[in-house]
C-alpha atoms as a PDB file:
ATOM      1  CA  MET A   1     153.473 224.130  31.270  1.00  0.00           C
ATOM      2  CA  LYS A   2     154.958 222.284  34.229  1.00  0.00           C
ATOM      3  CA  ILE A   3     153.987 223.196  37.795  1.00  0.00           C
ATOM      4  CA  LEU A   4     155.563 222.102  41.075  1.00  0.00           C
ATOM      5  CA  PHE A   5     153.075 222.279  43.978  1.00  0.00           C
ATOM      6  CA  ALA A   6     154.582 221.800  47.453  1.00  0.00           C
ATOM      7  CA  ALA A   7     152.441 221.667  50.596  1.00  0.00           C
ATOM      8  CA  PRO A   8     152.394 219.500  53.733  1.00  0.00           C
ATOM      9  CA  ASP A   9     148.734 218.514  53.258  1.00  0.00           C
ATOM     10  CA  ARG A  10     148.718 215.485  50.953  1.00  0.00           C
ATOM     11  CA  ASP A  11     144.952 215.626  50.423  1.00  0.00           C
ATOM     12  CA  LEU A  12     145.205 219.259  49.315  1.00  0.00           C
ATOM     13  CA  LEU A  13     148.062 218.336  46.976  1.00  0.00           C
ATOM     14  CA  GLU A  14     146.085 215.571  45.281  1.00  0.00           C
ATOM     15  CA  CYS A  15     143.007 217.753  44.942  1.00  0.00           C
ATOM     16  CA  TYR A  16     144.922 220.656  43.381  1.00  0.00           C
ATOM     17  CA  LYS A  17     147.030 218.354  41.218  1.00  0.00           C
ATOM     18  CA  LYS A  18     143.852 217.108  39.507  1.00  0.00           C
ATOM     19  CA  ILE A  19     142.435 220.608  39.100  1.00  0.00           C
ATOM     20  CA  LEU A  20     145.678 222.190  37.868  1.00  0.00           C
ATOM     21  CA  GLU A  21     146.402 219.374  35.412  1.00  0.00           C
ATOM     22  CA  GLU A  22     142.915 219.732  33.976  1.00  0.00           C
ATOM     23  CA  ASP A  23     143.002 223.540  33.752  1.00  0.00           C
ATOM     24  CA  ILE A  24     146.648 224.592  33.384  1.00  0.00           C
ATOM     25  CA  GLY A  25     149.238 221.857  32.874  1.00  0.00           C
ATOM     26  CA  GLU A  26     151.362 219.015  34.175  1.00  0.00           C
ATOM     27  CA  THR A  27     151.715 219.183  37.959  1.00  0.00           C
ATOM     28  CA  ALA A  28     154.287 217.491  40.178  1.00  0.00           C
ATOM     29  CA  THR A  29     153.793 217.477  43.948  1.00  0.00           C
ATOM     30  CA  ALA A  30     155.963 217.403  47.047  1.00  0.00           C
ATOM     31  CA  PHE A  31     154.933 217.307  50.699  1.00  0.00           C
ATOM     32  CA  ASP A  32     158.205 218.377  52.316  1.00  0.00           C
ATOM     33  CA  GLY A  33     161.092 220.717  51.602  1.00  0.00           C
ATOM     34  CA  THR A  34     163.588 217.957  50.884  1.00  0.00           C
ATOM     35  CA  GLN A  35     161.405 216.646  48.067  1.00  0.00           C
ATOM     36  CA  VAL A  36     160.997 220.162  46.672  1.00  0.00           C
ATOM     37  CA  MET A  37     164.755 220.772  46.662  1.00  0.00           C
ATOM     38  CA  THR A  38     165.384 217.470  44.883  1.00  0.00           C
ATOM     39  CA  LEU A  39     162.723 218.126  42.258  1.00  0.00           C
ATOM     40  CA  LEU A  40     163.978 221.676  41.653  1.00  0.00           C
ATOM     41  CA  SER A  41     167.510 220.325  41.175  1.00  0.00           C
ATOM     42  CA  ASN A  42     166.549 217.488  38.851  1.00  0.00           C
ATOM     43  CA  GLU A  43     163.668 218.814  36.755  1.00  0.00           C
ATOM     44  CA  ASN A  44     162.626 222.003  34.993  1.00  0.00           C
ATOM     45  CA  PHE A  45     159.465 223.766  36.134  1.00  0.00           C
ATOM     46  CA  ASP A  46     157.645 226.825  34.834  1.00  0.00           C
ATOM     47  CA  VAL A  47     156.297 227.820  38.257  1.00  0.00           C
ATOM     48  CA  LEU A  48     156.461 226.771  41.917  1.00  0.00           C
ATOM     49  CA  ILE A  49     153.494 226.897  44.292  1.00  0.00           C
ATOM     50  CA  LEU A  50     154.910 226.602  47.813  1.00  0.00           C
ATOM     51  CA  ASP A  51     153.184 226.482  51.180  1.00  0.00           C
ATOM     52  CA  ARG A  52     155.098 228.684  53.622  1.00  0.00           C
ATOM     53  CA  ASP A  53     154.748 225.958  56.285  1.00  0.00           C
ATOM     54  CA  ILE A  54     156.499 223.257  54.251  1.00  0.00           C
ATOM     55  CA  PRO A  55     158.378 220.959  56.696  1.00  0.00           C
ATOM     56  CA  ARG A  56     162.042 219.887  56.781  1.00  0.00           C
ATOM     57  CA  VAL A  57     163.506 222.788  54.752  1.00  0.00           C
ATOM     58  CA  ASP A  58     162.704 226.430  55.448  1.00  0.00           C
ATOM     59  CA  TYR A  59     160.563 227.956  52.709  1.00  0.00           C
ATOM     60  CA  ARG A  60     163.138 230.749  52.232  1.00  0.00           C
ATOM     61  CA  THR A  61     165.799 228.196  51.317  1.00  0.00           C
ATOM     62  CA  VAL A  62     163.393 226.674  48.795  1.00  0.00           C
ATOM     63  CA  LEU A  63     162.701 230.149  47.348  1.00  0.00           C
ATOM     64  CA  GLU A  64     166.426 230.792  46.949  1.00  0.00           C
ATOM     65  CA  ARG A  65     166.799 227.538  45.022  1.00  0.00           C
ATOM     66  CA  ALA A  66     163.783 228.354  42.840  1.00  0.00           C
ATOM     67  CA  GLU A  67     165.108 231.835  42.095  1.00  0.00           C
ATOM     68  CA  SER A  68     168.562 230.456  41.226  1.00  0.00           C
ATOM     69  CA  ARG A  69     166.825 228.121  38.750  1.00  0.00           C
ATOM     70  CA  LYS A  70     164.713 231.044  37.432  1.00  0.00           C
ATOM     71  CA  VAL A  71     161.471 229.399  38.545  1.00  0.00           C
ATOM     72  CA  PRO A  72     158.852 232.012  39.511  1.00  0.00           C
ATOM     73  CA  SER A  73     157.011 231.268  42.741  1.00  0.00           C
ATOM     74  CA  VAL A  74     153.680 231.717  44.489  1.00  0.00           C
ATOM     75  CA  VAL A  75     153.766 231.230  48.269  1.00  0.00           C
ATOM     76  CA  LEU A  76     150.677 230.213  50.231  1.00  0.00           C
ATOM     77  CA  THR A  77     150.525 231.722  53.714  1.00  0.00           C
ATOM     78  CA  ASP A  78     148.310 231.772  56.797  1.00  0.00           C
ATOM     79  CA  GLU A  79     149.563 235.264  57.703  1.00  0.00           C
ATOM     80  CA  PRO A  80     148.024 238.486  56.435  1.00  0.00           C
ATOM     81  CA  VAL A  81     150.166 239.870  53.634  1.00  0.00           C
ATOM     82  CA  GLY A  82     151.509 243.131  55.019  1.00  0.00           C
ATOM     83  CA  SER A  83     154.677 245.132  54.505  1.00  0.00           C
ATOM     84  CA  ALA A  84     156.701 242.758  56.743  1.00  0.00           C
ATOM     85  CA  LEU A  85     156.080 239.820  54.393  1.00  0.00           C
ATOM     86  CA  MET A  86     156.332 241.996  51.284  1.00  0.00           C
ATOM     87  CA  THR A  87     159.792 243.250  52.216  1.00  0.00           C
ATOM     88  CA  SER A  88     161.173 239.914  53.435  1.00  0.00           C
ATOM     89  CA  GLU A  89     164.009 238.232  51.574  1.00  0.00           C
ATOM     90  CA  PRO A  90     163.979 236.074  49.623  1.00  0.00           C
ATOM     91  CA  LEU A  91     160.652 237.155  48.218  1.00  0.00           C
ATOM     92  CA  PRO A  92     158.250 235.083  46.138  1.00  0.00           C
ATOM     93  CA  CYS A  93     156.717 236.534  42.992  1.00  0.00           C
ATOM     94  CA  ALA A  94     153.319 236.444  44.683  1.00  0.00           C
ATOM     95  CA  TRP A  95     151.807 235.760  48.105  1.00  0.00           C
ATOM     96  CA  LEU A  96     148.451 234.005  48.279  1.00  0.00           C
ATOM     97  CA  PRO A  97     146.852 234.058  51.755  1.00  0.00           C
ATOM     98  CA  HIS A  98     144.614 231.250  53.017  1.00  0.00           C
ATOM     99  CA  PRO A  99     141.751 230.791  52.461  1.00  0.00           C
ATOM    100  CA  PHE A 100     141.912 231.044  48.679  1.00  0.00           C
ATOM    101  CA  THR A 101     139.738 229.754  45.882  1.00  0.00           C
ATOM    102  CA  HIS A 102     140.771 227.766  42.854  1.00  0.00           C
ATOM    103  CA  GLY A 103     140.158 230.881  40.760  1.00  0.00           C
ATOM    104  CA  MET A 104     142.427 232.986  42.978  1.00  0.00           C
ATOM    105  CA  LEU A 105     145.215 230.411  42.621  1.00  0.00           C
ATOM    106  CA  GLU A 106     144.802 230.284  38.841  1.00  0.00           C
ATOM    107  CA  ASP A 107     144.813 234.097  38.640  1.00  0.00           C
ATOM    108  CA  ALA A 108     148.026 234.248  40.684  1.00  0.00           C
ATOM    109  CA  LEU A 109     149.690 231.600  38.502  1.00  0.00           C
ATOM    110  CA  ARG A 110     148.674 233.266  35.250  1.00  0.00           C
ATOM    111  CA  GLY A 111     149.715 236.700  36.521  1.00  0.00           C
ATOM    112  CA  VAL A 112     153.114 235.442  37.645  1.00  0.00           C
ATOM    113  CA  LEU A 113     153.742 233.575  34.384  1.00  0.00           C
ATOM    114  CA  GLU A 114     152.638 236.492  32.187  1.00  0.00           C
ATOM    115  CA  THR A 115     154.786 238.917  34.166  1.00  0.00           C
ATOM    116  CA  ALA A 116     157.805 236.568  34.063  1.00  0.00           C
ATOM    117  CA  ALA A 117     157.510 236.545  30.255  1.00  0.00           C
ATOM    118  CA  THR A 118     157.520 240.374  30.062  1.00  0.00           C
ATOM    119  CA  GLU A 119     160.617 241.796  28.395  1.00  0.00           C
ATOM    120  CA  GLU A 120     159.682 245.480  28.404  1.00  0.00           C
ATOM    121  CA  ASN A 121     160.776 247.580  31.379  1.00  0.00           C
ATOM    122  CA  ALA A 122     158.603 250.233  33.002  1.00  0.00           C
ATOM    123  CA  VAL A 123     160.062 253.553  34.141  1.00  0.00           C
ATOM    124  CA  LEU A 124     158.753 255.408  37.163  1.00  0.00           C
ATOM    125  CA  GLY A 125     160.698 258.580  37.926  1.00  0.00           C
ATOM    126  CA  ASP A 126     164.325 257.484  38.223  1.00  0.00           C
ATOM    127  CA  ALA A 127     163.415 253.829  38.891  1.00  0.00           C
ATOM    128  CA  VAL A 128     163.471 251.164  36.189  1.00  0.00           C
ATOM    129  CA  ILE A 129     161.161 248.246  36.887  1.00  0.00           C
ATOM    130  CA  ASN A 130     161.994 244.951  35.194  1.00  0.00           C
ATOM    131  CA  PRO A 131     158.805 242.888  35.440  1.00  0.00           C
ATOM    132  CA  GLY A 132     160.374 239.782  33.877  1.00  0.00           C
ATOM    133  CA  SER A 133     162.873 239.461  36.723  1.00  0.00           C
ATOM    134  CA  PHE A 134     160.434 240.792  39.364  1.00  0.00           C
ATOM    135  CA  ARG A 135     162.972 243.483  40.330  1.00  0.00           C
ATOM    136  CA  ILE A 136     163.674 247.157  40.489  1.00  0.00           C
ATOM    137  CA  GLU A 137     166.844 247.551  38.428  1.00  0.00           C
ATOM    138  CA  GLY A 138     169.787 247.421  40.840  1.00  0.00           C
ATOM    139  CA  GLY A 139     167.443 246.732  43.717  1.00  0.00           C
ATOM    140  CA  PRO A 140     165.303 244.222  45.545  1.00  0.00           C
ATOM    141  CA  ARG A 141     162.737 241.758  44.269  1.00  0.00           C
ATOM    142  CA  LEU A 142     159.112 242.822  43.781  1.00  0.00           C
ATOM    143  CA  THR A 143     155.847 240.921  44.090  1.00  0.00           C
ATOM    144  CA  LEU A 144     153.267 240.711  41.338  1.00  0.00           C
ATOM    145  CA  ASP A 145     151.007 243.145  43.230  1.00  0.00           C
ATOM    146  CA  GLU A 146     153.842 245.676  43.553  1.00  0.00           C
ATOM    147  CA  ILE A 147     154.713 245.389  39.860  1.00  0.00           C
ATOM    148  CA  ASN A 148     151.078 245.950  38.902  1.00  0.00           C
ATOM    149  CA  VAL A 149     150.927 249.098  41.056  1.00  0.00           C
ATOM    150  CA  LEU A 150     154.227 250.412  39.630  1.00  0.00           C
ATOM    151  CA  LYS A 151     153.139 249.715  36.046  1.00  0.00           C
ATOM    152  CA  ALA A 152     149.821 251.495  36.646  1.00  0.00           C
ATOM    153  CA  LEU A 153     151.619 254.526  38.071  1.00  0.00           C
ATOM    154  CA  ALA A 154     154.200 254.507  35.248  1.00  0.00           C
ATOM    155  CA  SER A 155     151.401 254.599  32.662  1.00  0.00           C
ATOM    156  CA  GLY A 156     149.701 257.479  34.462  1.00  0.00           C
ATOM    157  CA  GLY A 157     146.990 255.437  36.132  1.00  0.00           C
ATOM    158  CA  VAL A 158     146.400 255.075  39.833  1.00  0.00           C
ATOM    159  CA  SER A 159     143.997 252.157  39.806  1.00  0.00           C
ATOM    160  CA  GLY A 160     144.955 248.972  41.556  1.00  0.00           C
ATOM    161  CA  ILE A 161     146.300 250.610  44.692  1.00  0.00           C
ATOM    162  CA  GLU A 162     144.146 249.105  47.373  1.00  0.00           C
ATOM    163  CA  SER A 163     146.725 248.203  49.973  1.00  0.00           C
ATOM    164  CA  PRO A 164     148.656 250.728  52.074  1.00  0.00           C
ATOM    165  CA  ALA A 165     151.041 247.853  52.905  1.00  0.00           C
ATOM    166  CA  CYS A 166     151.809 247.497  49.194  1.00  0.00           C
ATOM    167  CA  VAL A 167     152.599 251.211  48.870  1.00  0.00           C
ATOM    168  CA  ALA A 168     154.740 251.092  52.022  1.00  0.00           C
ATOM    169  CA  SER A 169     156.710 248.093  50.788  1.00  0.00           C
ATOM    170  CA  ILE A 170     157.250 249.682  47.359  1.00  0.00           C
ATOM    171  CA  ASN A 171     158.614 252.835  49.003  1.00  0.00           C
ATOM    172  CA  ILE A 172     160.967 250.732  51.156  1.00  0.00           C
ATOM    173  CA  LYS A 173     162.216 248.904  48.056  1.00  0.00           C
ATOM    174  CA  LEU A 174     162.594 252.096  46.021  1.00  0.00           C
ATOM    175  CA  ASN A 175     164.736 253.459  48.862  1.00  0.00           C
ATOM    176  CA  ARG A 176     166.818 250.243  49.018  1.00  0.00           C
ATOM    177  CA  SER A 177     167.448 250.464  45.277  1.00  0.00           C
ATOM    178  CA  GLY A 178     168.852 254.003  45.647  1.00  0.00           C
ATOM    179  CA  SER A 179     165.951 255.583  43.783  1.00  0.00           C
ATOM    180  CA  LYS A 180     164.730 259.015  44.805  1.00  0.00           C
ATOM    181  CA  THR A 181     161.216 258.170  43.528  1.00  0.00           C
ATOM    182  CA  ARG A 182     158.477 257.565  46.095  1.00  0.00           C
ATOM    183  CA  ILE A 183     154.749 256.973  45.999  1.00  0.00           C
ATOM    184  CA  LYS A 184     152.631 259.350  48.002  1.00  0.00           C
ATOM    185  CA  TYR A 185     148.995 260.226  48.367  1.00  0.00           C
ATOM    186  CA  ALA A 186     147.874 263.624  47.100  1.00  0.00           C
ATOM    187  CA  ALA A 187     144.449 264.879  48.167  1.00  0.00           C
ATOM    188  CA  GLY A 188     142.124 265.059  45.190  1.00  0.00           C
ATOM    189  CA  LYS A 189     144.572 263.157  42.970  1.00  0.00           C
ATOM    190  CA  GLY A 190     145.091 259.842  44.691  1.00  0.00           C
ATOM    191  CA  PHE A 191     148.439 258.050  44.676  1.00  0.00           C
ATOM    192  CA  GLU A 192     151.228 259.380  42.500  1.00  0.00           C
ATOM    193  CA  ALA A 193     154.946 258.966  41.982  1.00  0.00           C
ATOM    194  CA  VAL A 194     157.178 261.842  43.053  1.00  0.00           C
ATOM    195  CA  THR A 195     160.932 262.219  42.726  1.00  0.00           C
ATOM    196  CA  GLY A 196     163.234 264.100  45.041  1.00  0.00           C
ATOM    197  CA  ASP A 197     161.700 266.718  47.334  1.00  0.00           C
ATOM    198  CA  GLU A 198     158.349 267.026  45.546  1.00  0.00           C
END
């Protein structure tokens, strides 16, 4: 596995490079957006870890390049992850808010990589979720958290729904995709998918 880790803090980069190479795989680093863009153009990576505050090139431009190269991404952020971030475009495969632990970063990387390798679609009402591309078919990109919620609902479970922002962003994206399916809370039942006027 080959990881590209991009953050403006060189000490953080060196620390995580050692940890990631020991635990996961080869890790290249970049401390500004220009370096990231060059590396993405010239080398193949399995995943990108990108600090949202990367200098010189806006992180959204970097995400567009990564997506065009089919490199899944995890974005580190100082902002709380709410529906505004979760519905922004372009969207990373996962947001990881500061402060985070090494274990949280590894979990995000493994989750993103496992999901990117998924070939089987999930169906929720009239919406088809393609986990491997992190998208609702014919619609916008999804985060790992959103995919996990949609997969749980599609299999009849309601566990994993801890964030109202996640449910709100999923409903926005279902609407953008043209789906009539929505997630709503039913007293005594918890969250469930409904289609049409249910």
